[in-house]
Amino acid sequence: MSENEWGIRLFECFRNPQMFAWAIFVPWGTACMHASEAKILMKSKDESVALKRFLCNACLCCFGCAWNRRALRKELVLDGNYFIDLMLWIFCPCCAATQEWQEVMVKKDKDSKVAIWNLA
């Protein structure tokens, strides 16, 4: 596997069933995931980034989620493009959200199975 590839594969979303269920059943669940990911990656340097990610997800739906995924790829130096990100968010949004969550947790030396409500 290349250094610039996702460490967590798309359909490995079931490795974290709590966050997969969160993405499916909680209203605004994926928006909360995007905001939390941004906050973890930015280490609280800029709180507005988390708010922008939340609003992008909430207001622009799949287009905003794909934009958030593109931003995440840039921050984590991962390969991909906006079109693929958009297709993932249109056809497999819960898996995309869970994959992103797990990838951020792994990159930040946390357990990929941690749930959003257990973040310290």
N, C-alpha and C. Protein backbone atom coordinates (compact mmCIF):
# COMPACT_ATOMS: atom_id res chain seq x y z
N MET A 1 0.85 -1.18 0.00
CA MET A 1 0.00 0.00 0.00
C MET A 1 0.89 1.24 0.00
N SER A 2 0.56 2.19 -0.82
CA SER A 2 1.28 3.45 -0.93
C SER A 2 1.04 4.32 0.32
N GLU A 3 1.99 5.18 0.59
CA GLU A 3 1.87 6.09 1.74
C GLU A 3 0.71 7.06 1.57
N ASN A 4 0.32 7.33 0.31
CA ASN A 4 -0.74 8.30 0.04
C ASN A 4 -2.10 7.66 -0.17
N GLU A 5 -2.26 6.41 0.19
CA GLU A 5 -3.54 5.73 0.07
C GLU A 5 -4.25 5.71 1.42
N TRP A 6 -5.55 5.57 1.36
CA TRP A 6 -6.32 5.44 2.60
C TRP A 6 -5.88 4.17 3.31
N GLY A 7 -5.62 4.26 4.60
CA GLY A 7 -5.25 3.09 5.39
C GLY A 7 -6.47 2.23 5.70
N ILE A 8 -7.61 2.89 5.79
CA ILE A 8 -8.89 2.20 6.04
C ILE A 8 -9.62 2.14 4.70
N ARG A 9 -9.99 0.96 4.28
CA ARG A 9 -10.71 0.80 3.02
C ARG A 9 -12.17 1.21 3.19
N LEU A 10 -12.81 1.55 2.09
CA LEU A 10 -14.17 2.08 2.11
C LEU A 10 -15.15 1.15 2.82
N PHE A 11 -15.14 -0.13 2.49
CA PHE A 11 -16.12 -1.04 3.07
C PHE A 11 -15.64 -1.68 4.36
N GLU A 12 -14.65 -1.08 4.98
CA GLU A 12 -14.25 -1.49 6.33
C GLU A 12 -15.00 -0.67 7.37
N CYS A 13 -16.07 -0.06 6.94
CA CYS A 13 -16.88 0.77 7.84
C CYS A 13 -17.47 -0.06 8.98
N PHE A 14 -17.64 -1.35 8.76
CA PHE A 14 -18.23 -2.20 9.79
C PHE A 14 -17.25 -2.51 10.92
N ARG A 15 -15.98 -2.10 10.76
CA ARG A 15 -15.02 -2.28 11.84
C ARG A 15 -15.34 -1.35 13.01
N ASN A 16 -16.10 -0.31 12.74
CA ASN A 16 -16.55 0.60 13.80
C ASN A 16 -18.08 0.71 13.70
N PRO A 17 -18.78 -0.31 14.17
CA PRO A 17 -20.24 -0.33 13.98
C PRO A 17 -20.96 0.82 14.70
N GLN A 18 -20.38 1.32 15.80
CA GLN A 18 -21.02 2.43 16.50
C GLN A 18 -21.07 3.68 15.63
N MET A 19 -19.95 4.00 15.00
CA MET A 19 -19.92 5.20 14.17
C MET A 19 -20.69 5.00 12.86
N PHE A 20 -20.71 3.76 12.36
CA PHE A 20 -21.50 3.47 11.17
C PHE A 20 -22.99 3.71 11.49
N ALA A 21 -23.44 3.21 12.64
CA ALA A 21 -24.83 3.41 13.06
C ALA A 21 -25.10 4.90 13.31
N TRP A 22 -24.12 5.59 13.89
CA TRP A 22 -24.24 7.04 14.13
C TRP A 22 -24.49 7.76 12.80
N ALA A 23 -23.71 7.40 11.78
CA ALA A 23 -23.83 8.04 10.46
C ALA A 23 -25.20 7.76 9.83
N ILE A 24 -25.75 6.59 10.09
CA ILE A 24 -27.04 6.23 9.50
C ILE A 24 -28.22 6.85 10.24
N PHE A 25 -28.23 6.73 11.56
CA PHE A 25 -29.44 7.01 12.33
C PHE A 25 -29.50 8.37 13.03
N VAL A 26 -28.38 9.03 13.24
CA VAL A 26 -28.39 10.29 13.99
C VAL A 26 -28.54 11.46 13.02
N PRO A 27 -29.59 12.26 13.17
CA PRO A 27 -29.71 13.45 12.31
C PRO A 27 -28.48 14.34 12.52
N TRP A 28 -27.91 14.80 11.46
CA TRP A 28 -26.70 15.62 11.47
C TRP A 28 -25.48 14.85 12.00
N GLY A 29 -25.58 13.55 12.06
CA GLY A 29 -24.48 12.73 12.59
C GLY A 29 -23.20 12.88 11.79
N THR A 30 -23.31 12.85 10.45
CA THR A 30 -22.10 12.99 9.64
C THR A 30 -21.54 14.40 9.74
N ALA A 31 -22.41 15.39 9.91
CA ALA A 31 -21.92 16.77 10.08
C ALA A 31 -21.13 16.89 11.38
N CYS A 32 -21.60 16.25 12.43
CA CYS A 32 -20.87 16.25 13.70
C CYS A 32 -19.53 15.53 13.54
N MET A 33 -19.52 14.44 12.76
CA MET A 33 -18.28 13.72 12.52
C MET A 33 -17.27 14.62 11.79
N HIS A 34 -17.73 15.34 10.78
CA HIS A 34 -16.83 16.23 10.04
C HIS A 34 -16.28 17.33 10.94
N ALA A 35 -17.13 17.91 11.77
CA ALA A 35 -16.67 18.97 12.67
C ALA A 35 -15.66 18.43 13.67
N SER A 36 -15.91 17.25 14.22
CA SER A 36 -14.99 16.65 15.18
C SER A 36 -13.66 16.28 14.54
N GLU A 37 -13.72 15.74 13.31
CA GLU A 37 -12.48 15.41 12.60
C GLU A 37 -11.63 16.66 12.40
N ALA A 38 -12.27 17.75 12.00
CA ALA A 38 -11.55 19.00 11.77
C ALA A 38 -10.91 19.50 13.06
N LYS A 39 -11.67 19.41 14.14
CA LYS A 39 -11.15 19.87 15.42
C LYS A 39 -9.96 19.03 15.87
N ILE A 40 -10.03 17.73 15.68
CA ILE A 40 -8.94 16.83 16.04
C ILE A 40 -7.71 17.13 15.20
N LEU A 41 -7.90 17.31 13.89
CA LEU A 41 -6.77 17.57 13.00
C LEU A 41 -6.14 18.93 13.23
N MET A 42 -6.96 19.92 13.53
CA MET A 42 -6.44 21.28 13.71
C MET A 42 -5.90 21.50 15.12
N LYS A 43 -6.14 20.57 16.02
CA LYS A 43 -5.72 20.68 17.42
C LYS A 43 -6.17 21.99 18.04
N SER A 44 -7.41 22.34 17.77
CA SER A 44 -8.05 23.53 18.33
C SER A 44 -7.37 24.84 17.94
N LYS A 45 -6.61 24.84 16.85
CA LYS A 45 -5.96 26.08 16.39
C LYS A 45 -6.98 27.06 15.84
N ASP A 46 -7.96 26.54 15.14
CA ASP A 46 -8.95 27.41 14.50
C ASP A 46 -10.33 26.76 14.63
N GLU A 47 -11.09 27.20 15.58
CA GLU A 47 -12.42 26.64 15.83
C GLU A 47 -13.37 26.84 14.65
N SER A 48 -13.13 27.87 13.84
CA SER A 48 -14.03 28.15 12.73
C SER A 48 -13.97 27.06 11.66
N VAL A 49 -12.86 26.33 11.59
CA VAL A 49 -12.76 25.25 10.60
C VAL A 49 -13.80 24.17 10.89
N ALA A 50 -13.97 23.82 12.15
CA ALA A 50 -14.96 22.81 12.53
C ALA A 50 -16.38 23.28 12.17
N LEU A 51 -16.66 24.54 12.43
CA LEU A 51 -17.97 25.10 12.09
C LEU A 51 -18.18 25.10 10.58
N LYS A 52 -17.17 25.46 9.82
CA LYS A 52 -17.28 25.46 8.35
C LYS A 52 -17.55 24.05 7.83
N ARG A 53 -16.86 23.06 8.40
CA ARG A 53 -17.07 21.68 7.96
C ARG A 53 -18.49 21.22 8.29
N PHE A 54 -18.97 21.59 9.47
CA PHE A 54 -20.33 21.23 9.86
C PHE A 54 -21.35 21.85 8.90
N LEU A 55 -21.22 23.16 8.67
CA LEU A 55 -22.17 23.87 7.80
C LEU A 55 -22.09 23.41 6.35
N CYS A 56 -20.89 23.10 5.89
CA CYS A 56 -20.71 22.61 4.53
C CYS A 56 -21.48 21.30 4.35
N ASN A 57 -21.37 20.43 5.33
CA ASN A 57 -22.09 19.16 5.30
C ASN A 57 -23.59 19.40 5.39
N ALA A 58 -24.00 20.23 6.33
CA ALA A 58 -25.43 20.43 6.59
C ALA A 58 -26.14 21.17 5.47
N CYS A 59 -25.48 22.14 4.85
CA CYS A 59 -26.15 23.00 3.87
C CYS A 59 -25.96 22.55 2.42
N LEU A 60 -24.85 21.91 2.13
CA LEU A 60 -24.57 21.54 0.74
C LEU A 60 -24.69 20.05 0.46
N CYS A 61 -25.13 19.31 1.45
CA CYS A 61 -25.36 17.86 1.32
C CYS A 61 -24.16 17.14 0.74
N CYS A 62 -24.37 16.29 -0.27
CA CYS A 62 -23.28 15.49 -0.81
C CYS A 62 -22.15 16.34 -1.39
N PHE A 63 -22.48 17.48 -1.95
CA PHE A 63 -21.45 18.36 -2.52
C PHE A 63 -20.54 18.90 -1.41
N GLY A 64 -21.15 19.27 -0.30
CA GLY A 64 -20.38 19.76 0.84
C GLY A 64 -19.57 18.66 1.50
N CYS A 65 -20.15 17.47 1.58
CA CYS A 65 -19.43 16.34 2.16
C CYS A 65 -18.23 15.98 1.31
N ALA A 66 -18.39 16.01 -0.01
CA ALA A 66 -17.27 15.73 -0.91
C ALA A 66 -16.19 16.80 -0.77
N TRP A 67 -16.60 18.05 -0.57
CA TRP A 67 -15.62 19.12 -0.36
C TRP A 67 -14.86 18.87 0.95
N ASN A 68 -15.59 18.46 2.00
CA ASN A 68 -14.95 18.14 3.27
C ASN A 68 -13.96 16.98 3.11
N ARG A 69 -14.35 15.98 2.33
CA ARG A 69 -13.46 14.83 2.10
C ARG A 69 -12.22 15.27 1.35
N ARG A 70 -12.39 16.17 0.39
CA ARG A 70 -11.24 16.70 -0.35
C ARG A 70 -10.29 17.43 0.60
N ALA A 71 -10.85 18.23 1.49
CA ALA A 71 -10.03 18.96 2.46
C ALA A 71 -9.31 17.98 3.40
N LEU A 72 -10.01 16.93 3.80
CA LEU A 72 -9.41 15.92 4.66
C LEU A 72 -8.26 15.21 3.94
N ARG A 73 -8.47 14.89 2.67
CA ARG A 73 -7.40 14.24 1.89
C ARG A 73 -6.17 15.13 1.82
N LYS A 74 -6.38 16.44 1.63
CA LYS A 74 -5.25 17.37 1.58
C LYS A 74 -4.50 17.39 2.91
N GLU A 75 -5.24 17.44 4.00
CA GLU A 75 -4.62 17.49 5.33
C GLU A 75 -3.85 16.22 5.66
N LEU A 76 -4.37 15.08 5.21
CA LEU A 76 -3.73 13.79 5.50
C LEU A 76 -2.82 13.33 4.37
N VAL A 77 -2.71 14.12 3.31
CA VAL A 77 -1.89 13.82 2.12
C VAL A 77 -2.28 12.46 1.53
N LEU A 78 -3.54 12.36 1.12
CA LEU A 78 -4.06 11.14 0.51
C LEU A 78 -4.44 11.40 -0.94
N ASP A 79 -4.29 10.38 -1.77
CA ASP A 79 -4.65 10.49 -3.18
C ASP A 79 -6.16 10.50 -3.35
N GLY A 80 -6.62 11.03 -4.48
CA GLY A 80 -8.03 11.04 -4.81
C GLY A 80 -8.40 12.30 -5.55
N ASN A 81 -9.68 12.41 -5.90
CA ASN A 81 -10.16 13.63 -6.56
C ASN A 81 -11.61 13.90 -6.15
N TYR A 82 -12.06 15.11 -6.42
CA TYR A 82 -13.38 15.55 -5.99
C TYR A 82 -14.49 14.70 -6.59
N PHE A 83 -14.36 14.32 -7.85
CA PHE A 83 -15.41 13.54 -8.50
C PHE A 83 -15.64 12.21 -7.79
N ILE A 84 -14.55 11.51 -7.47
CA ILE A 84 -14.67 10.23 -6.76
C ILE A 84 -15.27 10.47 -5.37
N ASP A 85 -14.81 11.54 -4.71
CA ASP A 85 -15.36 11.87 -3.39
C ASP A 85 -16.87 12.10 -3.48
N LEU A 86 -17.29 12.82 -4.50
CA LEU A 86 -18.72 13.09 -4.69
C LEU A 86 -19.50 11.80 -4.93
N MET A 87 -18.98 10.93 -5.77
CA MET A 87 -19.65 9.65 -6.04
C MET A 87 -19.77 8.81 -4.77
N LEU A 88 -18.72 8.81 -3.95
CA LEU A 88 -18.78 8.07 -2.69
C LEU A 88 -19.87 8.62 -1.77
N TRP A 89 -19.96 9.95 -1.70
CA TRP A 89 -20.95 10.56 -0.82
C TRP A 89 -22.37 10.44 -1.37
N ILE A 90 -22.52 10.30 -2.68
CA ILE A 90 -23.86 10.11 -3.25
C ILE A 90 -24.33 8.67 -3.05
N PHE A 91 -23.44 7.70 -3.33
CA PHE A 91 -23.86 6.30 -3.35
C PHE A 91 -23.55 5.52 -2.07
N CYS A 92 -22.64 6.01 -1.26
CA CYS A 92 -22.24 5.24 -0.07
C CYS A 92 -21.86 6.19 1.08
N PRO A 93 -22.77 7.09 1.47
CA PRO A 93 -22.41 8.13 2.43
C PRO A 93 -22.01 7.62 3.81
N CYS A 94 -22.67 6.62 4.32
CA CYS A 94 -22.35 6.13 5.66
C CYS A 94 -20.98 5.47 5.70
N CYS A 95 -20.65 4.74 4.64
CA CYS A 95 -19.32 4.12 4.57
C CYS A 95 -18.24 5.20 4.41
N ALA A 96 -18.51 6.22 3.60
CA ALA A 96 -17.55 7.31 3.40
C ALA A 96 -17.29 8.04 4.72
N ALA A 97 -18.36 8.35 5.45
CA ALA A 97 -18.22 9.06 6.73
C ALA A 97 -17.44 8.23 7.74
N THR A 98 -17.76 6.94 7.81
CA THR A 98 -17.08 6.07 8.78
C THR A 98 -15.62 5.86 8.39
N GLN A 99 -15.35 5.74 7.09
CA GLN A 99 -13.97 5.60 6.64
C GLN A 99 -13.15 6.84 7.02
N GLU A 100 -13.70 8.01 6.78
CA GLU A 100 -13.00 9.25 7.12
C GLU A 100 -12.74 9.31 8.62
N TRP A 101 -13.75 8.98 9.42
CA TRP A 101 -13.61 9.01 10.87
C TRP A 101 -12.47 8.09 11.32
N GLN A 102 -12.51 6.85 10.84
CA GLN A 102 -11.49 5.87 11.24
C GLN A 102 -10.10 6.30 10.79
N GLU A 103 -10.00 6.87 9.60
CA GLU A 103 -8.69 7.31 9.08
C GLU A 103 -8.10 8.41 9.97
N VAL A 104 -8.93 9.37 10.37
CA VAL A 104 -8.46 10.45 11.25
C VAL A 104 -8.03 9.88 12.59
N MET A 105 -8.80 8.96 13.13
CA MET A 105 -8.44 8.38 14.43
C MET A 105 -7.09 7.65 14.34
N VAL A 106 -6.89 6.89 13.28
CA VAL A 106 -5.64 6.16 13.12
C VAL A 106 -4.47 7.13 12.94
N LYS A 107 -4.66 8.16 12.13
CA LYS A 107 -3.58 9.14 11.88
C LYS A 107 -3.22 9.90 13.15
N LYS A 108 -4.16 10.05 14.05
CA LYS A 108 -3.91 10.79 15.29
C LYS A 108 -3.63 9.85 16.46
N ASP A 109 -3.20 8.63 16.13
CA ASP A 109 -2.80 7.63 17.13
C ASP A 109 -3.90 7.30 18.12
N LYS A 110 -5.11 7.25 17.63
CA LYS A 110 -6.24 6.84 18.46
C LYS A 110 -6.76 5.52 17.91
N ASP A 111 -7.59 4.87 18.66
CA ASP A 111 -8.21 3.61 18.24
C ASP A 111 -9.24 3.92 17.14
N SER A 112 -9.16 3.20 16.04
CA SER A 112 -10.10 3.45 14.94
C SER A 112 -11.53 3.10 15.31
N LYS A 113 -11.70 2.36 16.39
CA LYS A 113 -13.04 1.95 16.81
C LYS A 113 -13.65 2.90 17.85
N VAL A 114 -12.97 3.98 18.17
CA VAL A 114 -13.49 4.93 19.15
C VAL A 114 -14.74 5.61 18.60
N ALA A 115 -15.66 5.87 19.50
CA ALA A 115 -16.92 6.53 19.10
C ALA A 115 -16.81 8.02 19.41
N ILE A 116 -17.60 8.81 18.73
CA ILE A 116 -17.55 10.27 18.86
C ILE A 116 -17.84 10.70 20.31
N TRP A 117 -18.68 9.98 21.00
CA TRP A 117 -19.02 10.37 22.37
C TRP A 117 -17.97 9.93 23.39
N ASN A 118 -16.96 9.18 22.95
CA ASN A 118 -15.89 8.74 23.85
C ASN A 118 -14.59 9.51 23.65
N LEU A 119 -14.61 10.57 22.84
CA LEU A 119 -13.39 11.35 22.64
C LEU A 119 -13.03 12.07 23.93
N ALA A 120 -11.75 12.03 24.23
CA ALA A 120 -11.30 12.72 25.45
C ALA A 120 -10.86 14.13 25.13
